[in-house]
PDB file of N, CA and C in Angstrom:
ATOM      1  N   MET A   1     -17.865  45.492  15.328  1.00  0.00           N
ATOM      2  CA  MET A   1     -16.734  44.601  15.527  1.00  0.00           C
ATOM      3  C   MET A   1     -17.128  43.151  15.303  1.00  0.00           C
ATOM      4  N   GLN A   2     -18.302  42.749  15.797  1.00  0.00           N
ATOM      5  CA  GLN A   2     -18.724  41.366  15.663  1.00  0.00           C
ATOM      6  C   GLN A   2     -18.922  41.009  14.192  1.00  0.00           C
ATOM      7  N   PHE A   3     -19.382  41.952  13.394  1.00  0.00           N
ATOM      8  CA  PHE A   3     -19.576  41.732  11.963  1.00  0.00           C
ATOM      9  C   PHE A   3     -18.267  41.354  11.284  1.00  0.00           C
ATOM     10  N   VAL A   4     -17.172  42.027  11.642  1.00  0.00           N
ATOM     11  CA  VAL A   4     -15.854  41.722  11.083  1.00  0.00           C
ATOM     12  C   VAL A   4     -15.441  40.303  11.453  1.00  0.00           C
ATOM     13  N   GLY A   5     -15.714  39.897  12.697  1.00  0.00           N
ATOM     14  CA  GLY A   5     -15.403  38.534  13.127  1.00  0.00           C
ATOM     15  C   GLY A   5     -16.156  37.501  12.313  1.00  0.00           C
ATOM     16  N   CYS A   6     -17.412  37.785  11.993  1.00  0.00           N
ATOM     17  CA  CYS A   6     -18.214  36.864  11.180  1.00  0.00           C
ATOM     18  C   CYS A   6     -17.635  36.728   9.783  1.00  0.00           C
ATOM     19  N   ILE A   7     -17.219  37.832   9.199  1.00  0.00           N
ATOM     20  CA  ILE A   7     -16.616  37.797   7.866  1.00  0.00           C
ATOM     21  C   ILE A   7     -15.335  36.980   7.898  1.00  0.00           C
ATOM     22  N   CYS A   8     -14.548  37.180   8.930  1.00  0.00           N
ATOM     23  CA  CYS A   8     -13.290  36.444   9.064  1.00  0.00           C
ATOM     24  C   CYS A   8     -13.569  34.945   9.195  1.00  0.00           C
ATOM     25  N   ASN A   9     -14.546  34.567  10.027  1.00  0.00           N
ATOM     26  CA  ASN A   9     -14.890  33.152  10.189  1.00  0.00           C
ATOM     27  C   ASN A   9     -15.401  32.551   8.897  1.00  0.00           C
ATOM     28  N   LEU A  10     -16.188  33.291   8.145  1.00  0.00           N
ATOM     29  CA  LEU A  10     -16.689  32.824   6.855  1.00  0.00           C
ATOM     30  C   LEU A  10     -15.528  32.617   5.891  1.00  0.00           C
ATOM     31  N   PHE A  11     -14.577  33.534   5.909  1.00  0.00           N
ATOM     32  CA  PHE A  11     -13.405  33.448   5.048  1.00  0.00           C
ATOM     33  C   PHE A  11     -12.601  32.176   5.348  1.00  0.00           C
ATOM     34  N   VAL A  12     -12.410  31.875   6.640  1.00  0.00           N
ATOM     35  CA  VAL A  12     -11.690  30.671   7.042  1.00  0.00           C
ATOM     36  C   VAL A  12     -12.472  29.429   6.623  1.00  0.00           C
ATOM     37  N   MET A  13     -13.806  29.455   6.783  1.00  0.00           N
ATOM     38  CA  MET A  13     -14.631  28.325   6.393  1.00  0.00           C
ATOM     39  C   MET A  13     -14.509  28.049   4.901  1.00  0.00           C
ATOM     40  N   ILE A  14     -14.520  29.093   4.104  1.00  0.00           N
ATOM     41  CA  ILE A  14     -14.392  28.930   2.658  1.00  0.00           C
ATOM     42  C   ILE A  14     -13.047  28.283   2.337  1.00  0.00           C
ATOM     43  N   LYS A  15     -11.989  28.719   2.969  1.00  0.00           N
ATOM     44  CA  LYS A  15     -10.672  28.136   2.735  1.00  0.00           C
ATOM     45  C   LYS A  15     -10.643  26.671   3.161  1.00  0.00           C
ATOM     46  N   ILE A  16     -11.234  26.359   4.302  1.00  0.00           N
ATOM     47  CA  ILE A  16     -11.244  24.985   4.792  1.00  0.00           C
ATOM     48  C   ILE A  16     -12.030  24.089   3.850  1.00  0.00           C
ATOM     49  N   ASN A  17     -13.110  24.600   3.292  1.00  0.00           N
ATOM     50  CA  ASN A  17     -13.903  23.816   2.352  1.00  0.00           C
ATOM     51  C   ASN A  17     -13.148  23.514   1.064  1.00  0.00           C
ATOM     52  N   GLN A  18     -12.097  24.244   0.788  1.00  0.00           N
ATOM     53  CA  GLN A  18     -11.290  24.004  -0.402  1.00  0.00           C
ATOM     54  C   GLN A  18     -10.294  22.863  -0.193  1.00  0.00           C
ATOM     55  N   LEU A  19     -10.125  22.416   1.055  1.00  0.00           N
ATOM     56  CA  LEU A  19      -9.228  21.293   1.328  1.00  0.00           C
ATOM     57  C   LEU A  19      -9.884  19.997   0.871  1.00  0.00           C
ATOM     58  N   ASN A  20      -9.086  19.089   0.356  1.00  0.00           N
ATOM     59  CA  ASN A  20      -9.577  17.810  -0.151  1.00  0.00           C
ATOM     60  C   ASN A  20      -9.579  16.786   0.978  1.00  0.00           C
ATOM     61  N   LYS A  21     -10.737  16.269   1.331  1.00  0.00           N
ATOM     62  CA  LYS A  21     -10.862  15.311   2.434  1.00  0.00           C
ATOM     63  C   LYS A  21     -10.059  14.035   2.182  1.00  0.00           C
ATOM     64  N   GLU A  22      -9.817  13.699   0.934  1.00  0.00           N
ATOM     65  CA  GLU A  22      -9.050  12.481   0.621  1.00  0.00           C
ATOM     66  C   GLU A  22      -7.602  12.581   1.089  1.00  0.00           C
ATOM     67  N   PHE A  23      -7.124  13.786   1.343  1.00  0.00           N
ATOM     68  CA  PHE A  23      -5.736  13.972   1.763  1.00  0.00           C
ATOM     69  C   PHE A  23      -5.616  14.318   3.251  1.00  0.00           C
ATOM     70  N   GLU A  24      -6.674  14.115   4.024  1.00  0.00           N
ATOM     71  CA  GLU A  24      -6.616  14.421   5.457  1.00  0.00           C
ATOM     72  C   GLU A  24      -5.713  13.464   6.224  1.00  0.00           C
ATOM     73  N   SER A  25      -5.613  12.238   5.772  1.00  0.00           N
ATOM     74  CA  SER A  25      -4.782  11.238   6.448  1.00  0.00           C
ATOM     75  C   SER A  25      -3.304  11.528   6.214  1.00  0.00           C
ATOM     76  N   ARG A  26      -2.509  11.383   7.266  1.00  0.00           N
ATOM     77  CA  ARG A  26      -1.062  11.617   7.111  1.00  0.00           C
ATOM     78  C   ARG A  26      -0.441  10.588   6.175  1.00  0.00           C
ATOM     79  N   VAL A  27      -0.993   9.377   6.132  1.00  0.00           N
ATOM     80  CA  VAL A  27      -0.467   8.350   5.221  1.00  0.00           C
ATOM     81  C   VAL A  27      -0.727   8.753   3.771  1.00  0.00           C
ATOM     82  N   ARG A  28      -1.928   9.225   3.489  1.00  0.00           N
ATOM     83  CA  ARG A  28      -2.241   9.658   2.114  1.00  0.00           C
ATOM     84  C   ARG A  28      -1.439  10.891   1.731  1.00  0.00           C
ATOM     85  N   LEU A  29      -1.254  11.797   2.675  1.00  0.00           N
ATOM     86  CA  LEU A  29      -0.383  12.953   2.411  1.00  0.00           C
ATOM     87  C   LEU A  29       1.022  12.479   2.066  1.00  0.00           C
ATOM     88  N   GLY A  30       1.505  11.497   2.807  1.00  0.00           N
ATOM     89  CA  GLY A  30       2.840  10.954   2.549  1.00  0.00           C
ATOM     90  C   GLY A  30       2.940  10.284   1.201  1.00  0.00           C
ATOM     91  N   ILE A  31       1.974   9.452   0.874  1.00  0.00           N
ATOM     92  CA  ILE A  31       1.980   8.763  -0.424  1.00  0.00           C
ATOM     93  C   ILE A  31       2.006   9.775  -1.557  1.00  0.00           C
ATOM     94  N   MET A  32       1.114  10.746  -1.477  1.00  0.00           N
ATOM     95  CA  MET A  32       1.042  11.746  -2.552  1.00  0.00           C
ATOM     96  C   MET A  32       2.319  12.584  -2.622  1.00  0.00           C
ATOM     97  N   SER A  33       2.867  12.934  -1.490  1.00  0.00           N
ATOM     98  CA  SER A  33       4.104  13.732  -1.479  1.00  0.00           C
ATOM     99  C   SER A  33       5.242  12.974  -2.146  1.00  0.00           C
ATOM    100  N   VAL A  34       5.366  11.692  -1.836  1.00  0.00           N
ATOM    101  CA  VAL A  34       6.425  10.875  -2.447  1.00  0.00           C
ATOM    102  C   VAL A  34       6.204  10.769  -3.949  1.00  0.00           C
ATOM    103  N   LEU A  35       4.954  10.541  -4.355  1.00  0.00           N
ATOM    104  CA  LEU A  35       4.675  10.340  -5.782  1.00  0.00           C
ATOM    105  C   LEU A  35       4.758  11.630  -6.601  1.00  0.00           C
ATOM    106  N   MET A  36       4.585  12.762  -5.954  1.00  0.00           N
ATOM    107  CA  MET A  36       4.675  14.038  -6.690  1.00  0.00           C
ATOM    108  C   MET A  36       6.094  14.307  -7.178  1.00  0.00           C
ATOM    109  N   VAL A  37       7.086  13.709  -6.541  1.00  0.00           N
ATOM    110  CA  VAL A  37       8.475  13.985  -6.908  1.00  0.00           C
ATOM    111  C   VAL A  37       9.198  12.756  -7.467  1.00  0.00           C
ATOM    112  N   ASN A  38       8.464  11.670  -7.685  1.00  0.00           N
ATOM    113  CA  ASN A  38       9.039  10.448  -8.256  1.00  0.00           C
ATOM    114  C   ASN A  38       8.105   9.941  -9.341  1.00  0.00           C
ATOM    115  N   ASP A  39       8.661   9.211 -10.299  1.00  0.00           N
ATOM    116  CA  ASP A  39       7.829   8.654 -11.356  1.00  0.00           C
ATOM    117  C   ASP A  39       7.074   7.445 -10.812  1.00  0.00           C
ATOM    118  N   TRP A  40       7.705   6.298 -10.735  1.00  0.00           N
ATOM    119  CA  TRP A  40       7.113   5.096 -10.154  1.00  0.00           C
ATOM    120  C   TRP A  40       7.845   4.772  -8.854  1.00  0.00           C
ATOM    121  N   VAL A  41       7.090   4.365  -7.836  1.00  0.00           N
ATOM    122  CA  VAL A  41       7.672   3.951  -6.559  1.00  0.00           C
ATOM    123  C   VAL A  41       7.060   2.600  -6.216  1.00  0.00           C
ATOM    124  N   ASP A  42       7.920   1.615  -5.904  1.00  0.00           N
ATOM    125  CA  ASP A  42       7.365   0.293  -5.598  1.00  0.00           C
ATOM    126  C   ASP A  42       6.924   0.199  -4.136  1.00  0.00           C
ATOM    127  N   PHE A  43       6.141  -0.831  -3.872  1.00  0.00           N
ATOM    128  CA  PHE A  43       5.510  -1.031  -2.562  1.00  0.00           C
ATOM    129  C   PHE A  43       6.526  -1.006  -1.422  1.00  0.00           C
ATOM    130  N   SER A  44       7.589  -1.784  -1.569  1.00  0.00           N
ATOM    131  CA  SER A  44       8.593  -1.879  -0.498  1.00  0.00           C
ATOM    132  C   SER A  44       9.271  -0.548  -0.245  1.00  0.00           C
ATOM    133  N   GLU A  45       9.590   0.164  -1.309  1.00  0.00           N
ATOM    134  CA  GLU A  45      10.237   1.468  -1.168  1.00  0.00           C
ATOM    135  C   GLU A  45       9.304   2.473  -0.479  1.00  0.00           C
ATOM    136  N   MET A  46       8.041   2.498  -0.902  1.00  0.00           N
ATOM    137  CA  MET A  46       7.071   3.412  -0.304  1.00  0.00           C
ATOM    138  C   MET A  46       6.875   3.086   1.180  1.00  0.00           C
ATOM    139  N   LYS A  47       6.747   1.812   1.475  1.00  0.00           N
ATOM    140  CA  LYS A  47       6.562   1.376   2.856  1.00  0.00           C
ATOM    141  C   LYS A  47       7.749   1.807   3.719  1.00  0.00           C
ATOM    142  N   GLY A  48       8.954   1.676   3.191  1.00  0.00           N
ATOM    143  CA  GLY A  48      10.153   2.065   3.919  1.00  0.00           C
ATOM    144  C   GLY A  48      10.272   3.567   4.108  1.00  0.00           C
ATOM    145  N   ILE A  49       9.959   4.328   3.070  1.00  0.00           N
ATOM    146  CA  ILE A  49      10.037   5.793   3.150  1.00  0.00           C
ATOM    147  C   ILE A  49       9.072   6.323   4.209  1.00  0.00           C
ATOM    148  N   LEU A  50       7.846   5.795   4.195  1.00  0.00           N
ATOM    149  CA  LEU A  50       6.811   6.303   5.097  1.00  0.00           C
ATOM    150  C   LEU A  50       6.799   5.611   6.458  1.00  0.00           C
ATOM    151  N   GLU A  51       7.548   4.502   6.560  1.00  0.00           N
ATOM    152  CA  GLU A  51       7.598   3.728   7.797  1.00  0.00           C
ATOM    153  C   GLU A  51       6.196   3.345   8.277  1.00  0.00           C
ATOM    154  N   ILE A  52       5.466   2.666   7.383  1.00  0.00           N
ATOM    155  CA  ILE A  52       4.113   2.218   7.684  1.00  0.00           C
ATOM    156  C   ILE A  52       4.000   0.718   7.421  1.00  0.00           C
ATOM    157  N   THR A  53       2.904   0.128   7.872  1.00  0.00           N
ATOM    158  CA  THR A  53       2.691  -1.301   7.689  1.00  0.00           C
ATOM    159  C   THR A  53       2.178  -1.612   6.288  1.00  0.00           C
ATOM    160  N   ASP A  54       2.274  -2.870   5.916  1.00  0.00           N
ATOM    161  CA  ASP A  54       1.742  -3.324   4.630  1.00  0.00           C
ATOM    162  C   ASP A  54       0.255  -2.974   4.507  1.00  0.00           C
ATOM    163  N   GLY A  55      -0.501  -3.262   5.583  1.00  0.00           N
ATOM    164  CA  GLY A  55      -1.938  -3.019   5.570  1.00  0.00           C
ATOM    165  C   GLY A  55      -2.293  -1.556   5.409  1.00  0.00           C
ATOM    166  N   ASN A  56      -1.561  -0.676   6.105  1.00  0.00           N
ATOM    167  CA  ASN A  56      -1.804   0.772   5.959  1.00  0.00           C
ATOM    168  C   ASN A  56      -1.551   1.230   4.535  1.00  0.00           C
ATOM    169  N   LEU A  57      -0.436   0.806   3.973  1.00  0.00           N
ATOM    170  CA  LEU A  57      -0.120   1.214   2.605  1.00  0.00           C
ATOM    171  C   LEU A  57      -1.159   0.674   1.634  1.00  0.00           C
ATOM    172  N   ALA A  58      -1.527  -0.586   1.784  1.00  0.00           N
ATOM    173  CA  ALA A  58      -2.501  -1.199   0.880  1.00  0.00           C
ATOM    174  C   ALA A  58      -3.855  -0.495   0.946  1.00  0.00           C
ATOM    175  N   SER A  59      -4.336  -0.228   2.143  1.00  0.00           N
ATOM    176  CA  SER A  59      -5.672   0.384   2.257  1.00  0.00           C
ATOM    177  C   SER A  59      -5.690   1.831   1.773  1.00  0.00           C
ATOM    178  N   HIS A  60      -4.670   2.605   2.123  1.00  0.00           N
ATOM    179  CA  HIS A  60      -4.651   4.011   1.705  1.00  0.00           C
ATOM    180  C   HIS A  60      -4.364   4.157   0.213  1.00  0.00           C
ATOM    181  N   SER A  61      -3.496   3.326  -0.326  1.00  0.00           N
ATOM    182  CA  SER A  61      -3.236   3.406  -1.770  1.00  0.00           C
ATOM    183  C   SER A  61      -4.470   2.966  -2.550  1.00  0.00           C
ATOM    184  N   SER A  62      -5.208   2.007  -2.019  1.00  0.00           N
ATOM    185  CA  SER A  62      -6.447   1.560  -2.667  1.00  0.00           C
ATOM    186  C   SER A  62      -7.468   2.698  -2.724  1.00  0.00           C
ATOM    187  N   ALA A  63      -7.598   3.449  -1.637  1.00  0.00           N
ATOM    188  CA  ALA A  63      -8.525   4.584  -1.612  1.00  0.00           C
ATOM    189  C   ALA A  63      -8.108   5.657  -2.611  1.00  0.00           C
ATOM    190  N   LEU A  64      -6.812   5.935  -2.690  1.00  0.00           N
ATOM    191  CA  LEU A  64      -6.322   6.940  -3.649  1.00  0.00           C
ATOM    192  C   LEU A  64      -6.527   6.467  -5.082  1.00  0.00           C
ATOM    193  N   GLU A  65      -6.332   5.170  -5.315  1.00  0.00           N
ATOM    194  CA  GLU A  65      -6.560   4.617  -6.656  1.00  0.00           C
ATOM    195  C   GLU A  65      -8.040   4.704  -7.025  1.00  0.00           C
ATOM    196  N   LYS A  66      -8.905   4.372  -6.085  1.00  0.00           N
ATOM    197  CA  LYS A  66     -10.355   4.415  -6.315  1.00  0.00           C
ATOM    198  C   LYS A  66     -10.804   5.808  -6.740  1.00  0.00           C
ATOM    199  N   ASN A  67     -10.173   6.836  -6.189  1.00  0.00           N
ATOM    200  CA  ASN A  67     -10.507   8.220  -6.534  1.00  0.00           C
ATOM    201  C   ASN A  67      -9.790   8.716  -7.786  1.00  0.00           C
ATOM    202  N   GLY A  68      -8.975   7.863  -8.382  1.00  0.00           N
ATOM    203  CA  GLY A  68      -8.278   8.241  -9.606  1.00  0.00           C
ATOM    204  C   GLY A  68      -7.050   9.095  -9.390  1.00  0.00           C
ATOM    205  N   TYR A  69      -6.547   9.156  -8.139  1.00  0.00           N
ATOM    206  CA  TYR A  69      -5.406  10.008  -7.833  1.00  0.00           C
ATOM    207  C   TYR A  69      -4.067   9.320  -8.080  1.00  0.00           C
ATOM    208  N   ILE A  70      -4.050   7.999  -7.977  1.00  0.00           N
ATOM    209  CA  ILE A  70      -2.816   7.267  -8.279  1.00  0.00           C
ATOM    210  C   ILE A  70      -3.128   6.086  -9.180  1.00  0.00           C
ATOM    211  N   GLU A  71      -2.115   5.636  -9.874  1.00  0.00           N
ATOM    212  CA  GLU A  71      -2.186   4.443 -10.708  1.00  0.00           C
ATOM    213  C   GLU A  71      -1.397   3.349  -9.996  1.00  0.00           C
ATOM    214  N   VAL A  72      -1.951   2.150  -9.975  1.00  0.00           N
ATOM    215  CA  VAL A  72      -1.288   1.016  -9.351  1.00  0.00           C
ATOM    216  C   VAL A  72      -0.972   0.002 -10.441  1.00  0.00           C
ATOM    217  N   LYS A  73       0.300  -0.389 -10.496  1.00  0.00           N
ATOM    218  CA  LYS A  73       0.739  -1.377 -11.491  1.00  0.00           C
ATOM    219  C   LYS A  73       1.183  -2.626 -10.738  1.00  0.00           C
ATOM    220  N   LYS A  74       0.574  -3.763 -11.090  1.00  0.00           N
ATOM    221  CA  LYS A  74       0.943  -5.036 -10.470  1.00  0.00           C
ATOM    222  C   LYS A  74       1.523  -5.922 -11.559  1.00  0.00           C
ATOM    223  N   GLU A  75       2.700  -6.456 -11.276  1.00  0.00           N
ATOM    224  CA  GLU A  75       3.379  -7.307 -12.246  1.00  0.00           C
ATOM    225  C   GLU A  75       4.204  -8.344 -11.503  1.00  0.00           C
ATOM    226  N   PHE A  76       4.758  -9.271 -12.254  1.00  0.00           N
ATOM    227  CA  PHE A  76       5.660 -10.253 -11.671  1.00  0.00           C
ATOM    228  C   PHE A  76       7.065  -9.995 -12.186  1.00  0.00           C
ATOM    229  N   VAL A  77       8.014 -10.020 -11.287  1.00  0.00           N
ATOM    230  CA  VAL A  77       9.424  -9.941 -11.640  1.00  0.00           C
ATOM    231  C   VAL A  77       9.974 -11.309 -11.267  1.00  0.00           C
ATOM    232  N   GLY A  78      10.241 -12.117 -12.301  1.00  0.00           N
ATOM    233  CA  GLY A  78      10.531 -13.514 -12.048  1.00  0.00           C
ATOM    234  C   GLY A  78       9.252 -14.147 -11.530  1.00  0.00           C
ATOM    235  N   LYS A  79       9.320 -14.723 -10.363  1.00  0.00           N
ATOM    236  CA  LYS A  79       8.122 -15.313  -9.765  1.00  0.00           C
ATOM    237  C   LYS A  79       7.585 -14.493  -8.596  1.00  0.00           C
ATOM    238  N   LYS A  80       8.164 -13.310  -8.389  1.00  0.00           N
ATOM    239  CA  LYS A  80       7.748 -12.460  -7.271  1.00  0.00           C
ATOM    240  C   LYS A  80       6.805 -11.364  -7.756  1.00  0.00           C
ATOM    241  N   PRO A  81       5.710 -11.143  -7.021  1.00  0.00           N
ATOM    242  CA  PRO A  81       4.818 -10.028  -7.376  1.00  0.00           C
ATOM    243  C   PRO A  81       5.468  -8.695  -7.019  1.00  0.00           C
ATOM    244  N   LYS A  82       5.205  -7.696  -7.855  1.00  0.00           N
ATOM    245  CA  LYS A  82       5.734  -6.352  -7.608  1.00  0.00           C
ATOM    246  C   LYS A  82       4.609  -5.349  -7.851  1.00  0.00           C
ATOM    247  N   THR A  83       4.361  -4.528  -6.850  1.00  0.00           N
ATOM    248  CA  THR A  83       3.344  -3.476  -6.952  1.00  0.00           C
ATOM    249  C   THR A  83       4.061  -2.134  -6.958  1.00  0.00           C
ATOM    250  N   SER A  84       3.673  -1.284  -7.908  1.00  0.00           N
ATOM    251  CA  SER A  84       4.271   0.053  -8.017  1.00  0.00           C
ATOM    252  C   SER A  84       3.163   1.088  -8.140  1.00  0.00           C
ATOM    253  N   TYR A  85       3.511   2.297  -7.767  1.00  0.00           N
ATOM    254  CA  TYR A  85       2.542   3.396  -7.767  1.00  0.00           C
ATOM    255  C   TYR A  85       3.098   4.604  -8.510  1.00  0.00           C
ATOM    256  N   ARG A  86       2.175   5.359  -9.106  1.00  0.00           N
ATOM    257  CA  ARG A  86       2.529   6.683  -9.626  1.00  0.00           C
ATOM    258  C   ARG A  86       1.300   7.569  -9.577  1.00  0.00           C
ATOM    259  N   VAL A  87       1.525   8.849  -9.497  1.00  0.00           N
ATOM    260  CA  VAL A  87       0.430   9.810  -9.419  1.00  0.00           C
ATOM    261  C   VAL A  87      -0.154   9.998 -10.825  1.00  0.00           C
ATOM    262  N   THR A  88      -1.476  10.143 -10.904  1.00  0.00           N
ATOM    263  CA  THR A  88      -2.128  10.435 -12.179  1.00  0.00           C
ATOM    264  C   THR A  88      -2.154  11.952 -12.382  1.00  0.00           C
ATOM    265  N   GLN A  89      -2.512  12.375 -13.568  1.00  0.00           N
ATOM    266  CA  GLN A  89      -2.606  13.814 -13.828  1.00  0.00           C
ATOM    267  C   GLN A  89      -3.680  14.450 -12.951  1.00  0.00           C
ATOM    268  N   SER A  90      -4.822  13.764 -12.809  1.00  0.00           N
ATOM    269  CA  SER A  90      -5.882  14.324 -11.951  1.00  0.00           C
ATOM    270  C   SER A  90      -5.452  14.319 -10.484  1.00  0.00           C
ATOM    271  N   GLY A  91      -4.678  13.321 -10.085  1.00  0.00           N
ATOM    272  CA  GLY A  91      -4.145  13.290  -8.726  1.00  0.00           C
ATOM    273  C   GLY A  91      -3.165  14.408  -8.479  1.00  0.00           C
ATOM    274  N   ARG A  92      -2.319  14.667  -9.464  1.00  0.00           N
ATOM    275  CA  ARG A  92      -1.351  15.769  -9.357  1.00  0.00           C
ATOM    276  C   ARG A  92      -2.083  17.101  -9.193  1.00  0.00           C
ATOM    277  N   GLN A  93      -3.145  17.299 -10.000  1.00  0.00           N
ATOM    278  CA  GLN A  93      -3.901  18.547  -9.925  1.00  0.00           C
ATOM    279  C   GLN A  93      -4.640  18.668  -8.593  1.00  0.00           C
ATOM    280  N   ALA A  94      -5.268  17.581  -8.154  1.00  0.00           N
ATOM    281  CA  ALA A  94      -6.011  17.602  -6.884  1.00  0.00           C
ATOM    282  C   ALA A  94      -5.086  17.878  -5.702  1.00  0.00           C
ATOM    283  N   PHE A  95      -3.898  17.272  -5.716  1.00  0.00           N
ATOM    284  CA  PHE A  95      -2.966  17.471  -4.611  1.00  0.00           C
ATOM    285  C   PHE A  95      -2.388  18.884  -4.634  1.00  0.00           C
ATOM    286  N   THR A  96      -2.112  19.388  -5.808  1.00  0.00           N
ATOM    287  CA  THR A  96      -1.626  20.763  -5.947  1.00  0.00           C
ATOM    288  C   THR A  96      -2.687  21.745  -5.447  1.00  0.00           C
ATOM    289  N   ASP A  97      -3.946  21.503  -5.802  1.00  0.00           N
ATOM    290  CA  ASP A  97      -5.044  22.359  -5.325  1.00  0.00           C
ATOM    291  C   ASP A  97      -5.153  22.288  -3.799  1.00  0.00           C
ATOM    292  N   HIS A  98      -4.981  21.099  -3.256  1.00  0.00           N
ATOM    293  CA  HIS A  98      -5.031  20.908  -1.802  1.00  0.00           C
ATOM    294  C   HIS A  98      -3.907  21.701  -1.125  1.00  0.00           C
ATOM    295  N   LEU A  99      -2.698  21.608  -1.658  1.00  0.00           N
ATOM    296  CA  LEU A  99      -1.568  22.347  -1.090  1.00  0.00           C
ATOM    297  C   LEU A  99      -1.780  23.854  -1.205  1.00  0.00           C
ATOM    298  N   ASP A 100      -2.338  24.292  -2.339  1.00  0.00           N
ATOM    299  CA  ASP A 100      -2.635  25.721  -2.517  1.00  0.00           C
ATOM    300  C   ASP A 100      -3.651  26.196  -1.471  1.00  0.00           C
ATOM    301  N   ALA A 101      -4.666  25.364  -1.198  1.00  0.00           N
ATOM    302  CA  ALA A 101      -5.673  25.718  -0.197  1.00  0.00           C
ATOM    303  C   ALA A 101      -5.046  25.797   1.195  1.00  0.00           C
ATOM    304  N   LEU A 102      -4.131  24.886   1.497  1.00  0.00           N
ATOM    305  CA  LEU A 102      -3.416  24.943   2.774  1.00  0.00           C
ATOM    306  C   LEU A 102      -2.614  26.232   2.896  1.00  0.00           C
ATOM    307  N   GLU A 103      -1.948  26.596   1.819  1.00  0.00           N
ATOM    308  CA  GLU A 103      -1.156  27.839   1.818  1.00  0.00           C
ATOM    309  C   GLU A 103      -2.054  29.051   2.066  1.00  0.00           C
ATOM    310  N   LYS A 104      -3.223  29.082   1.416  1.00  0.00           N
ATOM    311  CA  LYS A 104      -4.157  30.199   1.617  1.00  0.00           C
ATOM    312  C   LYS A 104      -4.650  30.234   3.056  1.00  0.00           C
ATOM    313  N   LEU A 105      -4.918  29.059   3.591  1.00  0.00           N
ATOM    314  CA  LEU A 105      -5.383  28.980   4.973  1.00  0.00           C
ATOM    315  C   LEU A 105      -4.336  29.540   5.936  1.00  0.00           C
ATOM    316  N   LEU A 106      -3.079  29.337   5.597  1.00  0.00           N
ATOM    317  CA  LEU A 106      -1.984  29.845   6.424  1.00  0.00           C
ATOM    318  C   LEU A 106      -1.687  31.318   6.122  1.00  0.00           C
ATOM    319  N   GLY A 107      -2.366  31.867   5.143  1.00  0.00           N
ATOM    320  CA  GLY A 107      -2.194  33.284   4.814  1.00  0.00           C
ATOM    321  C   GLY A 107      -0.966  33.561   3.971  1.00  0.00           C
ATOM    322  N   ARG A 108      -0.547  32.594   3.207  1.00  0.00           N
ATOM    323  CA  ARG A 108       0.649  32.781   2.371  1.00  0.00           C
ATOM    324  C   ARG A 108       0.291  33.020   0.944  1.00  0.00           C
TER     325      ARG A 108
END
């Protein structure tokens, strides 16, 4: 009986290791979820959707950009700066793999 428990624990460990640590934060999960279903989303819109602070959005989007998961576009509209985000192809694949691993962990 104990042997079966060990196999089960190993199986769960393997599934957990398939999760992407970059998406452990609820803010990063939110950013990626919004970007998976939208083309470009600007800073103000993202901040409003996720109900987070400027600093939280800036730091988490910077980490996702550093890993190549999102693209950040900074431009001026008139004299006002505008920052927009979109998911990259590698980000889309990484997030899809992460969601698939979550589904497996849940036994679906």
